[in-house]
Amino acid sequence: MFFAANFVSALAEVFDYLLTFYMWVVIIRSLLSWVSPDPYNSIVQFVYNITEPIFYPIRRMMGAYSTGIDLAPMIVLFAIMFLRKFLVHSLYDIAAQLGSSGRF
């Protein structure tokens, strides 16, 4: 069972790193919206391409531009925080239970 416990623990850590990375990308995207960056810059294009597929459905559901305030980044950040607390911690708890179930 230690193999399964280590696998689930590693999976939780990978999810945590990916969610943390995406959180920083969302923050960078929000900061970029305050300035007018060069749209042909490869970093700016990467940030826009990686965040827009998540932002667009949220904006469409909320009607973001009718109020003049784009709440999509804040909603995505709250979702990431929820996933980090719920999903990652749940996976760590499952790994702990799998690791302790094989011992006396």
C-alpha atoms as a PDB file:
ATOM      1  CA  MET A   1       0.000   0.000   0.000  1.00  0.00           C
ATOM      2  CA  PHE A   2       2.943   2.332   0.403  1.00  0.00           C
ATOM      3  CA  PHE A   3       3.165   2.585  -3.397  1.00  0.00           C
ATOM      4  CA  ALA A   4      -0.421   3.836  -3.654  1.00  0.00           C
ATOM      5  CA  ALA A   5       0.104   6.221  -0.744  1.00  0.00           C
ATOM      6  CA  ASN A   6       3.234   7.679  -2.335  1.00  0.00           C
ATOM      7  CA  PHE A   7       1.487   7.979  -5.706  1.00  0.00           C
ATOM      8  CA  VAL A   8      -1.490   9.854  -4.248  1.00  0.00           C
ATOM      9  CA  SER A   9       0.822  12.085  -2.226  1.00  0.00           C
ATOM     10  CA  ALA A  10       2.876  12.907  -5.332  1.00  0.00           C
ATOM     11  CA  LEU A  11      -0.321  13.573  -7.281  1.00  0.00           C
ATOM     12  CA  ALA A  12      -1.467  15.981  -4.579  1.00  0.00           C
ATOM     13  CA  GLU A  13       1.844  17.806  -4.715  1.00  0.00           C
ATOM     14  CA  VAL A  14       1.705  18.112  -8.513  1.00  0.00           C
ATOM     15  CA  PHE A  15      -1.848  19.492  -8.318  1.00  0.00           C
ATOM     16  CA  ASP A  16      -0.708  21.956  -5.669  1.00  0.00           C
ATOM     17  CA  TYR A  17       2.166  23.179  -7.859  1.00  0.00           C
ATOM     18  CA  LEU A  18      -0.071  23.475 -10.934  1.00  0.00           C
ATOM     19  CA  LEU A  19      -2.738  25.393  -9.038  1.00  0.00           C
ATOM     20  CA  THR A  20      -0.132  27.695  -7.520  1.00  0.00           C
ATOM     21  CA  PHE A  21       1.383  28.338 -10.957  1.00  0.00           C
ATOM     22  CA  TYR A  22      -2.018  29.108 -12.450  1.00  0.00           C
ATOM     23  CA  MET A  23      -2.838  31.404  -9.526  1.00  0.00           C
ATOM     24  CA  TRP A  24       0.272  33.464 -10.307  1.00  0.00           C
ATOM     25  CA  VAL A  25      -0.624  33.532 -14.006  1.00  0.00           C
ATOM     26  CA  VAL A  26      -4.075  34.913 -13.128  1.00  0.00           C
ATOM     27  CA  ILE A  27      -2.485  37.551 -10.900  1.00  0.00           C
ATOM     28  CA  ILE A  28      -0.067  38.525 -13.683  1.00  0.00           C
ATOM     29  CA  ARG A  29      -2.982  38.736 -16.131  1.00  0.00           C
ATOM     30  CA  SER A  30      -4.806  41.043 -13.738  1.00  0.00           C
ATOM     31  CA  LEU A  31      -1.751  43.255 -13.397  1.00  0.00           C
ATOM     32  CA  LEU A  32      -1.320  43.346 -17.173  1.00  0.00           C
ATOM     33  CA  SER A  33      -4.854  44.670 -17.542  1.00  0.00           C
ATOM     34  CA  TRP A  34      -3.812  47.840 -15.671  1.00  0.00           C
ATOM     35  CA  VAL A  35      -1.146  48.707 -18.236  1.00  0.00           C
ATOM     36  CA  SER A  36      -1.097  48.470 -22.000  1.00  0.00           C
ATOM     37  CA  PRO A  37       1.485  45.770 -22.745  1.00  0.00           C
ATOM     38  CA  ASP A  38       2.735  44.984 -26.211  1.00  0.00           C
ATOM     39  CA  PRO A  39       0.173  42.470 -27.560  1.00  0.00           C
ATOM     40  CA  TYR A  40       2.846  40.871 -29.762  1.00  0.00           C
ATOM     41  CA  ASN A  41       5.097  40.041 -26.826  1.00  0.00           C
ATOM     42  CA  SER A  42       5.318  36.255 -26.479  1.00  0.00           C
ATOM     43  CA  ILE A  43       4.953  36.351 -22.688  1.00  0.00           C
ATOM     44  CA  VAL A  44       1.832  38.509 -22.898  1.00  0.00           C
ATOM     45  CA  GLN A  45       0.377  36.198 -25.547  1.00  0.00           C
ATOM     46  CA  PHE A  46       1.141  33.162 -23.366  1.00  0.00           C
ATOM     47  CA  VAL A  47      -0.560  34.714 -20.342  1.00  0.00           C
ATOM     48  CA  TYR A  48      -3.615  35.692 -22.392  1.00  0.00           C
ATOM     49  CA  ASN A  49      -3.832  32.295 -24.121  1.00  0.00           C
ATOM     50  CA  ILE A  50      -3.628  30.357 -20.878  1.00  0.00           C
ATOM     51  CA  THR A  51      -6.181  32.454 -18.967  1.00  0.00           C
ATOM     52  CA  GLU A  52      -8.758  33.396 -21.583  1.00  0.00           C
ATOM     53  CA  PRO A  53     -10.296  29.877 -21.904  1.00  0.00           C
ATOM     54  CA  ILE A  54     -11.168  30.063 -18.194  1.00  0.00           C
ATOM     55  CA  PHE A  55     -12.148  33.741 -18.078  1.00  0.00           C
ATOM     56  CA  TYR A  56     -14.424  33.742 -21.126  1.00  0.00           C
ATOM     57  CA  PRO A  57     -17.153  31.384 -19.797  1.00  0.00           C
ATOM     58  CA  ILE A  58     -17.178  33.195 -16.462  1.00  0.00           C
ATOM     59  CA  ARG A  59     -17.506  36.558 -18.178  1.00  0.00           C
ATOM     60  CA  ARG A  60     -20.281  35.232 -20.387  1.00  0.00           C
ATOM     61  CA  MET A  61     -22.236  33.886 -17.398  1.00  0.00           C
ATOM     62  CA  MET A  62     -21.772  37.006 -15.286  1.00  0.00           C
ATOM     63  CA  GLY A  63     -22.126  39.657 -17.957  1.00  0.00           C
ATOM     64  CA  ALA A  64     -18.844  41.173 -16.810  1.00  0.00           C
ATOM     65  CA  TYR A  65     -18.783  44.187 -19.046  1.00  0.00           C
ATOM     66  CA  SER A  66     -22.309  45.333 -18.237  1.00  0.00           C
ATOM     67  CA  THR A  67     -21.077  46.473 -14.814  1.00  0.00           C
ATOM     68  CA  GLY A  68     -17.714  47.731 -16.042  1.00  0.00           C
ATOM     69  CA  ILE A  69     -15.818  45.528 -13.584  1.00  0.00           C
ATOM     70  CA  ASP A  70     -14.308  42.220 -14.628  1.00  0.00           C
ATOM     71  CA  LEU A  71     -14.801  39.810 -11.743  1.00  0.00           C
ATOM     72  CA  ALA A  72     -13.549  36.745 -13.629  1.00  0.00           C
ATOM     73  CA  PRO A  73      -9.994  36.862 -12.191  1.00  0.00           C
ATOM     74  CA  MET A  74     -11.325  37.100  -8.648  1.00  0.00           C
ATOM     75  CA  ILE A  75     -13.714  34.177  -9.192  1.00  0.00           C
ATOM     76  CA  VAL A  76     -10.910  32.086 -10.683  1.00  0.00           C
ATOM     77  CA  LEU A  77      -8.640  32.913  -7.732  1.00  0.00           C
ATOM     78  CA  PHE A  78     -11.369  31.874  -5.278  1.00  0.00           C
ATOM     79  CA  ALA A  79     -11.859  28.633  -7.222  1.00  0.00           C
ATOM     80  CA  ILE A  80      -8.121  27.936  -7.100  1.00  0.00           C
ATOM     81  CA  MET A  81      -8.028  28.584  -3.347  1.00  0.00           C
ATOM     82  CA  PHE A  82     -10.992  26.238  -2.889  1.00  0.00           C
ATOM     83  CA  LEU A  83      -9.361  23.509  -4.974  1.00  0.00           C
ATOM     84  CA  ARG A  84      -6.110  23.851  -3.060  1.00  0.00           C
ATOM     85  CA  LYS A  85      -7.895  23.504   0.276  1.00  0.00           C
ATOM     86  CA  PHE A  86     -10.359  20.817  -0.772  1.00  0.00           C
ATOM     87  CA  LEU A  87      -8.727  18.707  -3.478  1.00  0.00           C
ATOM     88  CA  VAL A  88      -5.079  18.857  -2.446  1.00  0.00           C
ATOM     89  CA  HIS A  89      -5.721  18.398   1.267  1.00  0.00           C
ATOM     90  CA  SER A  90      -8.159  15.565   0.543  1.00  0.00           C
ATOM     91  CA  LEU A  91      -5.538  13.807  -1.548  1.00  0.00           C
ATOM     92  CA  TYR A  92      -2.972  14.216   1.225  1.00  0.00           C
ATOM     93  CA  ASP A  93      -5.480  12.758   3.712  1.00  0.00           C
ATOM     94  CA  ILE A  94      -6.169   9.809   1.403  1.00  0.00           C
ATOM     95  CA  ALA A  95      -2.416   9.230   1.071  1.00  0.00           C
ATOM     96  CA  ALA A  96      -2.046   9.300   4.846  1.00  0.00           C
ATOM     97  CA  GLN A  97      -4.849   6.759   5.266  1.00  0.00           C
ATOM     98  CA  LEU A  98      -3.389   4.508   2.584  1.00  0.00           C
ATOM     99  CA  GLY A  99       0.036   4.722   4.209  1.00  0.00           C
ATOM    100  CA  SER A 100      -1.217   3.890   7.674  1.00  0.00           C
ATOM    101  CA  SER A 101      -3.545   1.071   6.596  1.00  0.00           C
ATOM    102  CA  GLY A 102      -0.660  -1.281   5.784  1.00  0.00           C
ATOM    103  CA  ARG A 103       1.081  -0.890   9.139  1.00  0.00           C
ATOM    104  CA  PHE A 104       0.336  -2.500  12.470  1.00  0.00           C
END
